[in-house]
Amino acid sequence: MLNTLRSRLLAISRPVTLTLAGALLSLNVAAILFGVFARYIAGGAPIWTDELSRFLIIATVMLAAGAVWSEGGHMRVGLLEKLLPAPFARLLNVYQWLLTLLIAAGGAWVSYRYALSVSMFTTSGLGISRTVPLLSLPIGFLLLTWHVLLYGPAPLTTVEDSL
């Protein structure tokens, strides 16, 4: 029952986060196109378009990272897992899972503390607190942690598995 709940939550969580990341990417494309239009057609682009597009691309990547990881979409070499005997391959999978989980959770904690520490500063183009765009980092790391927890220490899919 726990495995079906985890797989259902993962099946819901992946498309939701990828949809949000896609929406942010669309907003980023709109900001870039507005900047290009303003720069080359209207004669001068506001500085906030470059800053907004930079923050949006970081937020897009951070939101999508967990879903892409759980789908096996990150570049990785699974050769060692295939060459090892089954018990050692299982142990390697558990090690990789724990390491990914610890790095993702640690990244969430460190980036959250950092985002809060720069709250007194404002961004140059948008004029908002630097904490606002930097919160995409802990949110992205938390989503990665969530996806890693839901996926569990099972072997990740590779390109060969999908062929």
N, C-alpha and C. Protein backbone atom coordinates (compact mmCIF):
# COMPACT_ATOMS: atom_id res chain seq x y z
N MET A 1 0.82 -1.19 0.00
CA MET A 1 0.00 0.00 0.00
C MET A 1 0.87 1.26 0.00
N LEU A 2 1.98 1.22 0.76
CA LEU A 2 2.86 2.37 0.82
C LEU A 2 3.51 2.65 -0.53
N ASN A 3 3.87 1.59 -1.25
CA ASN A 3 4.47 1.78 -2.57
C ASN A 3 3.48 2.38 -3.56
N THR A 4 2.22 1.97 -3.50
CA THR A 4 1.23 2.55 -4.41
C THR A 4 0.95 4.01 -4.06
N LEU A 5 0.95 4.33 -2.76
CA LEU A 5 0.76 5.73 -2.36
C LEU A 5 1.93 6.58 -2.85
N ARG A 6 3.15 6.07 -2.67
CA ARG A 6 4.33 6.79 -3.14
C ARG A 6 4.30 6.97 -4.64
N SER A 7 3.95 5.93 -5.38
CA SER A 7 3.93 6.04 -6.84
C SER A 7 2.81 6.98 -7.30
N ARG A 8 1.69 6.98 -6.60
CA ARG A 8 0.61 7.92 -6.96
C ARG A 8 1.02 9.36 -6.69
N LEU A 9 1.62 9.59 -5.52
CA LEU A 9 2.08 10.94 -5.21
C LEU A 9 3.13 11.41 -6.21
N LEU A 10 4.01 10.51 -6.58
CA LEU A 10 5.03 10.85 -7.57
C LEU A 10 4.41 11.11 -8.93
N ALA A 11 3.41 10.33 -9.29
CA ALA A 11 2.73 10.50 -10.58
C ALA A 11 1.96 11.83 -10.62
N ILE A 12 1.54 12.32 -9.48
CA ILE A 12 0.86 13.63 -9.42
C ILE A 12 1.88 14.76 -9.35
N SER A 13 2.89 14.56 -8.53
CA SER A 13 3.87 15.62 -8.27
C SER A 13 4.71 15.97 -9.49
N ARG A 14 5.11 14.97 -10.26
CA ARG A 14 5.95 15.24 -11.43
C ARG A 14 5.27 16.16 -12.44
N PRO A 15 4.07 15.83 -12.92
CA PRO A 15 3.47 16.73 -13.91
C PRO A 15 3.13 18.12 -13.36
N VAL A 16 2.79 18.19 -12.08
CA VAL A 16 2.48 19.50 -11.49
C VAL A 16 3.72 20.38 -11.49
N THR A 17 4.85 19.84 -11.03
CA THR A 17 6.07 20.65 -10.99
C THR A 17 6.57 20.97 -12.40
N LEU A 18 6.43 20.03 -13.32
CA LEU A 18 6.85 20.32 -14.69
C LEU A 18 5.94 21.35 -15.35
N THR A 19 4.66 21.34 -15.01
CA THR A 19 3.74 22.35 -15.53
C THR A 19 4.09 23.73 -14.98
N LEU A 20 4.38 23.79 -13.68
CA LEU A 20 4.81 25.07 -13.10
C LEU A 20 6.10 25.56 -13.72
N ALA A 21 7.04 24.65 -13.93
CA ALA A 21 8.30 25.03 -14.56
C ALA A 21 8.06 25.49 -16.00
N GLY A 22 7.15 24.83 -16.70
CA GLY A 22 6.80 25.26 -18.06
C GLY A 22 6.16 26.64 -18.08
N ALA A 23 5.33 26.92 -17.09
CA ALA A 23 4.71 28.25 -17.00
C ALA A 23 5.76 29.32 -16.75
N LEU A 24 6.72 29.02 -15.86
CA LEU A 24 7.80 29.97 -15.62
C LEU A 24 8.67 30.16 -16.86
N LEU A 25 8.90 29.09 -17.60
CA LEU A 25 9.67 29.19 -18.83
C LEU A 25 8.93 30.05 -19.86
N SER A 26 7.63 29.89 -19.95
CA SER A 26 6.83 30.73 -20.87
C SER A 26 6.89 32.19 -20.46
N LEU A 27 6.81 32.45 -19.17
CA LEU A 27 6.93 33.82 -18.67
C LEU A 27 8.32 34.38 -18.97
N ASN A 28 9.32 33.54 -18.87
CA ASN A 28 10.69 33.95 -19.18
C ASN A 28 10.82 34.32 -20.66
N VAL A 29 10.26 33.49 -21.52
CA VAL A 29 10.31 33.78 -22.96
C VAL A 29 9.59 35.11 -23.25
N ALA A 30 8.46 35.33 -22.59
CA ALA A 30 7.73 36.59 -22.79
C ALA A 30 8.57 37.79 -22.32
N ALA A 31 9.25 37.65 -21.19
CA ALA A 31 10.08 38.75 -20.69
C ALA A 31 11.24 39.03 -21.64
N ILE A 32 11.86 37.97 -22.17
CA ILE A 32 12.97 38.15 -23.11
C ILE A 32 12.49 38.79 -24.40
N LEU A 33 11.35 38.31 -24.91
CA LEU A 33 10.81 38.89 -26.15
C LEU A 33 10.43 40.35 -25.96
N PHE A 34 9.87 40.69 -24.80
CA PHE A 34 9.56 42.09 -24.51
C PHE A 34 10.84 42.91 -24.48
N GLY A 35 11.89 42.36 -23.84
CA GLY A 35 13.17 43.07 -23.80
C GLY A 35 13.76 43.28 -25.17
N VAL A 36 13.68 42.26 -26.02
CA VAL A 36 14.19 42.37 -27.39
C VAL A 36 13.38 43.40 -28.17
N PHE A 37 12.06 43.34 -28.05
CA PHE A 37 11.20 44.31 -28.73
C PHE A 37 11.53 45.73 -28.26
N ALA A 38 11.63 45.90 -26.95
CA ALA A 38 11.89 47.23 -26.41
C ALA A 38 13.27 47.74 -26.83
N ARG A 39 14.25 46.85 -26.87
CA ARG A 39 15.61 47.27 -27.19
C ARG A 39 15.76 47.63 -28.67
N TYR A 40 15.22 46.78 -29.55
CA TYR A 40 15.50 46.97 -30.97
C TYR A 40 14.38 47.67 -31.74
N ILE A 41 13.19 47.69 -31.22
CA ILE A 41 12.08 48.37 -31.91
C ILE A 41 11.79 49.72 -31.24
N ALA A 42 11.68 49.71 -29.91
CA ALA A 42 11.32 50.94 -29.19
C ALA A 42 12.54 51.80 -28.85
N GLY A 43 13.74 51.24 -28.96
CA GLY A 43 14.93 52.05 -28.75
C GLY A 43 15.63 51.88 -27.41
N GLY A 44 15.06 51.17 -26.47
CA GLY A 44 15.75 50.97 -25.19
C GLY A 44 14.93 50.06 -24.28
N ALA A 45 15.58 49.05 -23.75
CA ALA A 45 14.88 48.09 -22.89
C ALA A 45 15.07 48.45 -21.42
N PRO A 46 14.05 48.27 -20.63
CA PRO A 46 14.22 48.48 -19.19
C PRO A 46 15.15 47.41 -18.62
N ILE A 47 15.90 47.77 -17.59
CA ILE A 47 16.89 46.86 -17.03
C ILE A 47 16.24 45.65 -16.35
N TRP A 48 15.01 45.80 -15.93
CA TRP A 48 14.37 44.71 -15.19
C TRP A 48 14.12 43.48 -16.06
N THR A 49 14.06 43.63 -17.38
CA THR A 49 13.80 42.45 -18.23
C THR A 49 14.95 41.45 -18.16
N ASP A 50 16.18 41.92 -18.16
CA ASP A 50 17.33 41.02 -18.06
C ASP A 50 17.36 40.33 -16.70
N GLU A 51 17.12 41.11 -15.66
CA GLU A 51 17.16 40.54 -14.31
C GLU A 51 16.02 39.56 -14.09
N LEU A 52 14.84 39.90 -14.57
CA LEU A 52 13.69 39.00 -14.42
C LEU A 52 13.93 37.70 -15.18
N SER A 53 14.46 37.77 -16.38
CA SER A 53 14.70 36.54 -17.14
C SER A 53 15.76 35.67 -16.48
N ARG A 54 16.76 36.29 -15.88
CA ARG A 54 17.79 35.53 -15.16
C ARG A 54 17.18 34.80 -13.96
N PHE A 55 16.37 35.49 -13.19
CA PHE A 55 15.73 34.87 -12.03
C PHE A 55 14.74 33.78 -12.44
N LEU A 56 14.03 34.01 -13.53
CA LEU A 56 13.04 33.03 -13.99
C LEU A 56 13.69 31.76 -14.51
N ILE A 57 14.81 31.87 -15.18
CA ILE A 57 15.45 30.65 -15.69
C ILE A 57 16.01 29.82 -14.54
N ILE A 58 16.53 30.48 -13.51
CA ILE A 58 17.01 29.75 -12.33
C ILE A 58 15.84 29.06 -11.63
N ALA A 59 14.73 29.76 -11.47
CA ALA A 59 13.55 29.18 -10.83
C ALA A 59 13.00 28.02 -11.65
N THR A 60 13.01 28.15 -12.96
CA THR A 60 12.52 27.08 -13.84
C THR A 60 13.34 25.81 -13.66
N VAL A 61 14.64 25.96 -13.68
CA VAL A 61 15.52 24.80 -13.54
C VAL A 61 15.36 24.16 -12.16
N MET A 62 15.28 24.98 -11.14
CA MET A 62 15.16 24.44 -9.78
C MET A 62 13.83 23.72 -9.59
N LEU A 63 12.75 24.23 -10.16
CA LEU A 63 11.46 23.56 -10.03
C LEU A 63 11.44 22.23 -10.78
N ALA A 64 12.07 22.19 -11.93
CA ALA A 64 12.02 20.98 -12.76
C ALA A 64 13.02 19.91 -12.33
N ALA A 65 14.02 20.27 -11.54
CA ALA A 65 15.11 19.33 -11.23
C ALA A 65 14.61 18.04 -10.59
N GLY A 66 13.72 18.11 -9.64
CA GLY A 66 13.24 16.92 -8.95
C GLY A 66 12.47 15.99 -9.86
N ALA A 67 11.58 16.56 -10.67
CA ALA A 67 10.79 15.74 -11.58
C ALA A 67 11.68 15.10 -12.64
N VAL A 68 12.64 15.84 -13.13
CA VAL A 68 13.56 15.29 -14.13
C VAL A 68 14.41 14.19 -13.52
N TRP A 69 14.84 14.38 -12.26
CA TRP A 69 15.64 13.34 -11.59
C TRP A 69 14.83 12.06 -11.44
N SER A 70 13.59 12.18 -11.01
CA SER A 70 12.78 10.98 -10.77
C SER A 70 12.40 10.27 -12.07
N GLU A 71 12.46 10.95 -13.20
CA GLU A 71 12.22 10.32 -14.49
C GLU A 71 13.49 9.75 -15.09
N GLY A 72 14.62 9.95 -14.42
CA GLY A 72 15.90 9.47 -14.94
C GLY A 72 16.42 10.34 -16.06
N GLY A 73 16.01 11.60 -16.11
CA GLY A 73 16.37 12.48 -17.21
C GLY A 73 17.70 13.17 -17.06
N HIS A 74 18.30 13.14 -15.87
CA HIS A 74 19.62 13.75 -15.71
C HIS A 74 20.68 12.84 -16.32
N MET A 75 21.72 13.45 -16.83
CA MET A 75 22.79 12.67 -17.43
C MET A 75 23.49 11.87 -16.33
N ARG A 76 23.61 10.60 -16.56
CA ARG A 76 24.29 9.73 -15.61
C ARG A 76 24.77 8.48 -16.34
N VAL A 77 25.71 7.82 -15.73
CA VAL A 77 26.24 6.59 -16.30
C VAL A 77 25.83 5.45 -15.37
N GLY A 78 25.02 4.55 -15.88
CA GLY A 78 24.54 3.43 -15.09
C GLY A 78 25.28 2.14 -15.36
N LEU A 79 26.44 2.25 -15.97
CA LEU A 79 27.19 1.06 -16.35
C LEU A 79 27.63 0.24 -15.14
N LEU A 80 28.09 0.90 -14.10
CA LEU A 80 28.58 0.20 -12.92
C LEU A 80 27.45 -0.62 -12.27
N GLU A 81 26.26 -0.06 -12.26
CA GLU A 81 25.12 -0.78 -11.69
C GLU A 81 24.81 -2.06 -12.47
N LYS A 82 25.03 -2.02 -13.77
CA LYS A 82 24.76 -3.20 -14.60
C LYS A 82 25.85 -4.26 -14.49
N LEU A 83 27.09 -3.83 -14.21
CA LEU A 83 28.21 -4.76 -14.13
C LEU A 83 28.34 -5.44 -12.77
N LEU A 84 27.84 -4.80 -11.73
CA LEU A 84 27.97 -5.36 -10.38
C LEU A 84 26.98 -6.50 -10.17
N PRO A 85 27.31 -7.43 -9.30
CA PRO A 85 26.32 -8.45 -8.91
C PRO A 85 25.13 -7.77 -8.23
N ALA A 86 23.97 -8.40 -8.27
CA ALA A 86 22.72 -7.79 -7.81
C ALA A 86 22.80 -7.23 -6.38
N PRO A 87 23.36 -7.94 -5.39
CA PRO A 87 23.40 -7.35 -4.04
C PRO A 87 24.25 -6.07 -3.97
N PHE A 88 25.37 -6.05 -4.69
CA PHE A 88 26.21 -4.86 -4.69
C PHE A 88 25.57 -3.71 -5.47
N ALA A 89 24.87 -4.05 -6.54
CA ALA A 89 24.15 -3.03 -7.30
C ALA A 89 23.05 -2.40 -6.45
N ARG A 90 22.38 -3.23 -5.66
CA ARG A 90 21.33 -2.72 -4.75
C ARG A 90 21.95 -1.81 -3.70
N LEU A 91 23.08 -2.21 -3.16
CA LEU A 91 23.78 -1.39 -2.18
C LEU A 91 24.23 -0.06 -2.79
N LEU A 92 24.70 -0.09 -4.02
CA LEU A 92 25.09 1.13 -4.72
C LEU A 92 23.88 2.04 -4.94
N ASN A 93 22.73 1.46 -5.28
CA ASN A 93 21.51 2.26 -5.45
C ASN A 93 21.10 2.93 -4.15
N VAL A 94 21.18 2.21 -3.05
CA VAL A 94 20.84 2.80 -1.75
C VAL A 94 21.81 3.91 -1.41
N TYR A 95 23.09 3.70 -1.66
CA TYR A 95 24.10 4.73 -1.41
C TYR A 95 23.82 5.99 -2.25
N GLN A 96 23.57 5.81 -3.54
CA GLN A 96 23.29 6.95 -4.41
C GLN A 96 22.03 7.69 -3.96
N TRP A 97 21.03 6.93 -3.56
CA TRP A 97 19.78 7.54 -3.11
C TRP A 97 20.00 8.36 -1.84
N LEU A 98 20.71 7.79 -0.87
CA LEU A 98 20.98 8.51 0.37
C LEU A 98 21.83 9.75 0.13
N LEU A 99 22.82 9.62 -0.72
CA LEU A 99 23.68 10.76 -1.03
C LEU A 99 22.87 11.88 -1.70
N THR A 100 22.04 11.52 -2.66
CA THR A 100 21.20 12.52 -3.33
C THR A 100 20.24 13.16 -2.34
N LEU A 101 19.65 12.35 -1.47
CA LEU A 101 18.73 12.86 -0.46
C LEU A 101 19.42 13.84 0.48
N LEU A 102 20.60 13.49 0.96
CA LEU A 102 21.33 14.37 1.87
C LEU A 102 21.78 15.66 1.19
N ILE A 103 22.24 15.56 -0.04
CA ILE A 103 22.68 16.77 -0.75
C ILE A 103 21.49 17.68 -1.03
N ALA A 104 20.35 17.10 -1.44
CA ALA A 104 19.17 17.91 -1.73
C ALA A 104 18.64 18.58 -0.46
N ALA A 105 18.55 17.83 0.63
CA ALA A 105 18.06 18.40 1.89
C ALA A 105 19.04 19.45 2.42
N GLY A 106 20.33 19.16 2.31
CA GLY A 106 21.34 20.15 2.73
C GLY A 106 21.29 21.40 1.88
N GLY A 107 21.10 21.22 0.58
CA GLY A 107 20.98 22.37 -0.31
C GLY A 107 19.76 23.21 0.03
N ALA A 108 18.67 22.56 0.41
CA ALA A 108 17.46 23.31 0.80
C ALA A 108 17.73 24.13 2.05
N TRP A 109 18.38 23.53 3.01
CA TRP A 109 18.64 24.23 4.28
C TRP A 109 19.61 25.40 4.08
N VAL A 110 20.72 25.14 3.40
CA VAL A 110 21.73 26.19 3.21
C VAL A 110 21.17 27.33 2.36
N SER A 111 20.47 27.00 1.28
CA SER A 111 19.95 28.05 0.40
C SER A 111 18.82 28.83 1.08
N TYR A 112 18.06 28.18 1.95
CA TYR A 112 17.02 28.90 2.70
C TYR A 112 17.67 29.90 3.66
N ARG A 113 18.68 29.46 4.37
CA ARG A 113 19.38 30.36 5.30
C ARG A 113 20.00 31.53 4.55
N TYR A 114 20.57 31.25 3.38
CA TYR A 114 21.18 32.32 2.60
C TYR A 114 20.13 33.29 2.08
N ALA A 115 19.00 32.76 1.60
CA ALA A 115 17.94 33.63 1.08
C ALA A 115 17.43 34.56 2.17
N LEU A 116 17.33 34.07 3.38
CA LEU A 116 16.87 34.93 4.48
C LEU A 116 17.94 35.94 4.88
N SER A 117 19.21 35.58 4.72
CA SER A 117 20.28 36.48 5.17
C SER A 117 20.44 37.72 4.29
N VAL A 118 19.91 37.69 3.08
CA VAL A 118 20.07 38.84 2.18
C VAL A 118 18.77 39.64 2.04
N SER A 119 17.90 39.50 3.02
CA SER A 119 16.59 40.17 2.92
C SER A 119 16.70 41.69 2.97
N MET A 120 17.77 42.23 3.52
CA MET A 120 17.90 43.69 3.62
C MET A 120 18.34 44.33 2.30
N PHE A 121 18.78 43.53 1.35
CA PHE A 121 19.25 44.05 0.07
C PHE A 121 18.15 43.94 -0.97
N THR A 122 18.17 44.84 -1.94
CA THR A 122 17.19 44.80 -3.03
C THR A 122 17.91 44.52 -4.35
N THR A 123 17.16 44.00 -5.29
CA THR A 123 17.72 43.73 -6.61
C THR A 123 17.85 45.05 -7.37
N SER A 124 18.81 45.12 -8.27
CA SER A 124 19.07 46.39 -8.95
C SER A 124 18.00 46.74 -9.97
N GLY A 125 17.46 45.75 -10.68
CA GLY A 125 16.50 46.04 -11.74
C GLY A 125 15.06 46.04 -11.28
N LEU A 126 14.69 45.06 -10.49
CA LEU A 126 13.31 44.92 -10.06
C LEU A 126 13.00 45.72 -8.80
N GLY A 127 14.01 45.99 -7.99
CA GLY A 127 13.81 46.77 -6.78
C GLY A 127 13.08 46.01 -5.68
N ILE A 128 13.15 44.68 -5.71
CA ILE A 128 12.51 43.87 -4.68
C ILE A 128 13.58 43.27 -3.78
N SER A 129 13.18 42.76 -2.65
CA SER A 129 14.12 42.12 -1.75
C SER A 129 14.79 40.94 -2.46
N ARG A 130 16.08 40.78 -2.26
CA ARG A 130 16.81 39.68 -2.90
C ARG A 130 16.31 38.33 -2.40
N THR A 131 15.64 38.30 -1.28
CA THR A 131 15.11 37.05 -0.75
C THR A 131 14.08 36.45 -1.69
N VAL A 132 13.28 37.28 -2.32
CA VAL A 132 12.18 36.78 -3.17
C VAL A 132 12.70 35.89 -4.30
N PRO A 133 13.61 36.34 -5.16
CA PRO A 133 14.08 35.42 -6.21
C PRO A 133 14.94 34.28 -5.67
N LEU A 134 15.64 34.51 -4.57
CA LEU A 134 16.50 33.46 -4.03
C LEU A 134 15.70 32.34 -3.37
N LEU A 135 14.44 32.57 -3.05
CA LEU A 135 13.62 31.51 -2.47
C LEU A 135 13.35 30.38 -3.46
N SER A 136 13.60 30.62 -4.74
CA SER A 136 13.42 29.53 -5.71
C SER A 136 14.43 28.41 -5.47
N LEU A 137 15.57 28.73 -4.89
CA LEU A 137 16.57 27.70 -4.61
C LEU A 137 16.11 26.73 -3.53
N PRO A 138 15.73 27.19 -2.33
CA PRO A 138 15.26 26.21 -1.34
C PRO A 138 13.99 25.49 -1.76
N ILE A 139 13.11 26.18 -2.48
CA ILE A 139 11.89 25.51 -2.96
C ILE A 139 12.26 24.40 -3.94
N GLY A 140 13.17 24.69 -4.85
CA GLY A 140 13.62 23.68 -5.80
C GLY A 140 14.31 22.51 -5.12
N PHE A 141 15.18 22.80 -4.16
CA PHE A 141 15.85 21.72 -3.41
C PHE A 141 14.85 20.91 -2.59
N LEU A 142 13.84 21.57 -2.02
CA LEU A 142 12.81 20.83 -1.29
C LEU A 142 12.02 19.93 -2.22
N LEU A 143 11.71 20.41 -3.40
CA LEU A 143 11.00 19.57 -4.37
C LEU A 143 11.88 18.40 -4.82
N LEU A 144 13.17 18.65 -4.98
CA LEU A 144 14.08 17.55 -5.30
C LEU A 144 14.10 16.53 -4.17
N THR A 145 14.17 17.00 -2.93
CA THR A 145 14.13 16.11 -1.78
C THR A 145 12.84 15.31 -1.76
N TRP A 146 11.73 15.98 -2.03
CA TRP A 146 10.42 15.33 -2.07
C TRP A 146 10.39 14.22 -3.12
N HIS A 147 10.87 14.53 -4.31
CA HIS A 147 10.87 13.54 -5.38
C HIS A 147 11.81 12.37 -5.07
N VAL A 148 12.95 12.67 -4.49
CA VAL A 148 13.89 11.61 -4.13
C VAL A 148 13.27 10.71 -3.06
N LEU A 149 12.63 11.30 -2.07
CA LEU A 149 11.96 10.50 -1.03
C LEU A 149 10.86 9.62 -1.62
N LEU A 150 10.07 10.19 -2.51
CA LEU A 150 8.98 9.42 -3.11
C LEU A 150 9.50 8.32 -4.02
N TYR A 151 10.56 8.58 -4.73
CA TYR A 151 11.10 7.59 -5.65
C TYR A 151 11.69 6.40 -4.90
N GLY A 152 12.36 6.69 -3.80
CA GLY A 152 12.96 5.63 -3.01
C GLY A 152 14.28 5.16 -3.59
N PRO A 153 14.91 4.19 -2.93
CA PRO A 153 16.24 3.74 -3.38
C PRO A 153 16.22 2.75 -4.53
N ALA A 154 15.27 2.86 -5.40
CA ALA A 154 15.19 1.98 -6.57
C ALA A 154 16.15 2.47 -7.65
N PRO A 155 16.56 1.60 -8.56
CA PRO A 155 17.44 2.04 -9.65
C PRO A 155 16.74 3.07 -10.53
N LEU A 156 17.48 4.10 -10.93
CA LEU A 156 16.93 5.10 -11.83
C LEU A 156 16.89 4.54 -13.25
N THR A 157 15.91 4.99 -14.01
CA THR A 157 15.81 4.54 -15.40
C THR A 157 16.92 5.20 -16.22
N THR A 158 17.34 4.53 -17.25
CA THR A 158 18.34 5.07 -18.16
C THR A 158 17.75 5.11 -19.57
N VAL A 159 18.49 5.66 -20.49
CA VAL A 159 18.03 5.74 -21.87
C VAL A 159 17.82 4.34 -22.44
N GLU A 160 18.70 3.42 -22.09
CA GLU A 160 18.58 2.04 -22.60
C GLU A 160 17.29 1.38 -22.11
N ASP A 161 16.86 1.72 -20.90
CA ASP A 161 15.63 1.14 -20.37
C ASP A 161 14.40 1.60 -21.14
N SER A 162 14.45 2.79 -21.70
CA SER A 162 13.28 3.34 -22.39
C SER A 162 13.23 2.95 -23.86
N LEU A 163 14.28 2.32 -24.37
CA LEU A 163 14.29 1.93 -25.79
C LEU A 163 13.56 0.63 -26.01
